[in-house]
């Protein structure tokens, strides 16, 4: 099964959500929009989450490391730059691969 790190965006909130999964990504996004993960979760506030960016990872552990690295940047500008600059995506992807 494939593993992914994904970034969702809500226009209504003008916010990003960063996650990792080792399941069907389309189903995962549907679940976020349906509030499947509970009413107290960040994504349950709205139902307009759309895929902004995804990384196909080597395994779930890699997806988690990449998710944490992106979250540690705490920057929507950084996230937007990930879509603009392939070299930035490659750098963060390779930095979080297992050695």
Protein backbone atom coordinates (compact mmCIF):
# COMPACT_ATOMS: atom_id res chain seq x y z
CA UNK A 1 0.00 0.00 0.00
CA UNK A 2 1.26 3.47 -0.78
CA UNK A 3 2.00 6.13 1.81
CA UNK A 4 1.55 9.85 1.39
CA UNK A 5 2.19 13.16 3.07
CA UNK A 6 -0.54 15.55 2.03
CA UNK A 7 -1.44 19.19 2.46
CA UNK A 8 -5.07 20.23 2.36
CA UNK A 9 -6.35 23.77 2.01
CA UNK A 10 -9.64 25.32 3.11
CA UNK A 11 -10.67 28.51 1.31
CA UNK A 12 -13.23 29.22 3.99
CA UNK A 13 -10.62 29.16 6.77
CA UNK A 14 -7.73 30.18 4.53
CA UNK A 15 -5.72 27.53 6.39
CA UNK A 16 -3.64 24.48 5.56
CA UNK A 17 -3.77 21.05 7.13
CA UNK A 18 -0.79 18.71 6.88
CA UNK A 19 -1.24 14.98 7.31
CA UNK A 20 0.16 11.57 6.49
CA UNK A 21 -1.61 8.37 5.56
CA UNK A 22 -1.03 4.87 4.31
CA UNK A 23 -4.47 4.42 2.86
CA UNK A 24 -6.43 5.70 -0.11
CA UNK A 25 -5.78 9.45 -0.19
CA UNK A 26 -9.06 10.34 -1.92
CA UNK A 27 -10.97 8.48 0.80
CA UNK A 28 -8.90 10.21 3.46
CA UNK A 29 -9.86 13.65 2.09
CA UNK A 30 -13.53 12.62 1.93
CA UNK A 31 -13.27 11.52 5.57
CA UNK A 32 -11.80 14.89 6.60
CA UNK A 33 -14.65 16.71 4.83
CA UNK A 34 -17.27 14.42 6.38
CA UNK A 35 -15.97 14.92 9.93
CA UNK A 36 -15.20 11.21 10.25
CA UNK A 37 -12.29 11.87 12.61
CA UNK A 38 -14.46 13.51 15.26
CA UNK A 39 -16.03 16.90 15.93
CA UNK A 40 -13.06 18.20 17.94
CA UNK A 41 -10.49 17.78 15.17
CA UNK A 42 -9.10 20.78 13.28
CA UNK A 43 -10.49 19.59 9.94
CA UNK A 44 -14.02 19.13 11.30
CA UNK A 45 -14.55 22.91 11.42
CA UNK A 46 -15.29 23.10 7.68
CA UNK A 47 -16.00 20.71 4.83
CA UNK A 48 -14.25 22.44 1.93
CA UNK A 49 -10.83 20.77 2.22
CA UNK A 50 -9.12 20.23 -1.13
CA UNK A 51 -5.79 18.64 -1.93
CA UNK A 52 -3.14 21.35 -2.21
CA UNK A 53 -0.03 19.17 -2.50
CA UNK A 54 0.92 15.55 -1.99
CA UNK A 55 4.14 13.60 -1.69
CA UNK A 56 4.31 9.89 -2.49
CA UNK A 57 6.61 8.47 0.17
CA UNK A 58 8.75 5.35 0.43
CA UNK A 59 6.82 4.08 3.45
CA UNK A 60 4.59 5.33 6.25
CA UNK A 61 7.57 6.21 8.49
CA UNK A 62 8.90 8.46 5.72
CA UNK A 63 5.46 10.08 5.34
CA UNK A 64 5.39 10.85 9.07
CA UNK A 65 8.90 12.34 9.07
CA UNK A 66 8.00 14.53 6.09
CA UNK A 67 4.72 15.62 7.72
CA UNK A 68 6.57 16.63 10.91
CA UNK A 69 9.24 18.52 8.96
CA UNK A 70 6.64 20.56 7.06
CA UNK A 71 4.67 21.24 10.25
CA UNK A 72 7.85 22.39 12.00
CA UNK A 73 8.23 25.19 9.44
CA UNK A 74 4.97 26.75 10.75
CA UNK A 75 4.63 28.84 7.61
CA UNK A 76 1.94 29.13 4.95
CA UNK A 77 4.49 30.96 2.79
CA UNK A 78 6.77 27.91 3.01
CA UNK A 79 3.87 25.63 2.05
CA UNK A 80 2.99 27.83 -0.93
CA UNK A 81 6.66 27.83 -1.97
CA UNK A 82 6.61 24.03 -1.98
CA UNK A 83 4.19 24.20 -4.91
CA UNK A 84 6.29 26.80 -6.73
CA UNK A 85 9.78 25.33 -6.41
CA UNK A 86 10.53 21.72 -7.33
CA UNK A 87 13.99 21.97 -5.79
CA UNK A 88 12.42 22.84 -2.42
CA UNK A 89 10.11 19.82 -2.65
CA UNK A 90 13.04 17.57 -3.60
CA UNK A 91 15.17 18.91 -0.76
CA UNK A 92 12.61 18.32 1.99
CA UNK A 93 11.66 14.93 0.51
CA UNK A 94 15.27 13.74 0.45
CA UNK A 95 16.08 15.20 3.89
CA UNK A 96 13.37 13.05 5.45
CA UNK A 97 14.24 9.76 3.72
CA UNK A 98 15.70 7.12 5.98
CA UNK A 99 19.45 6.78 5.85
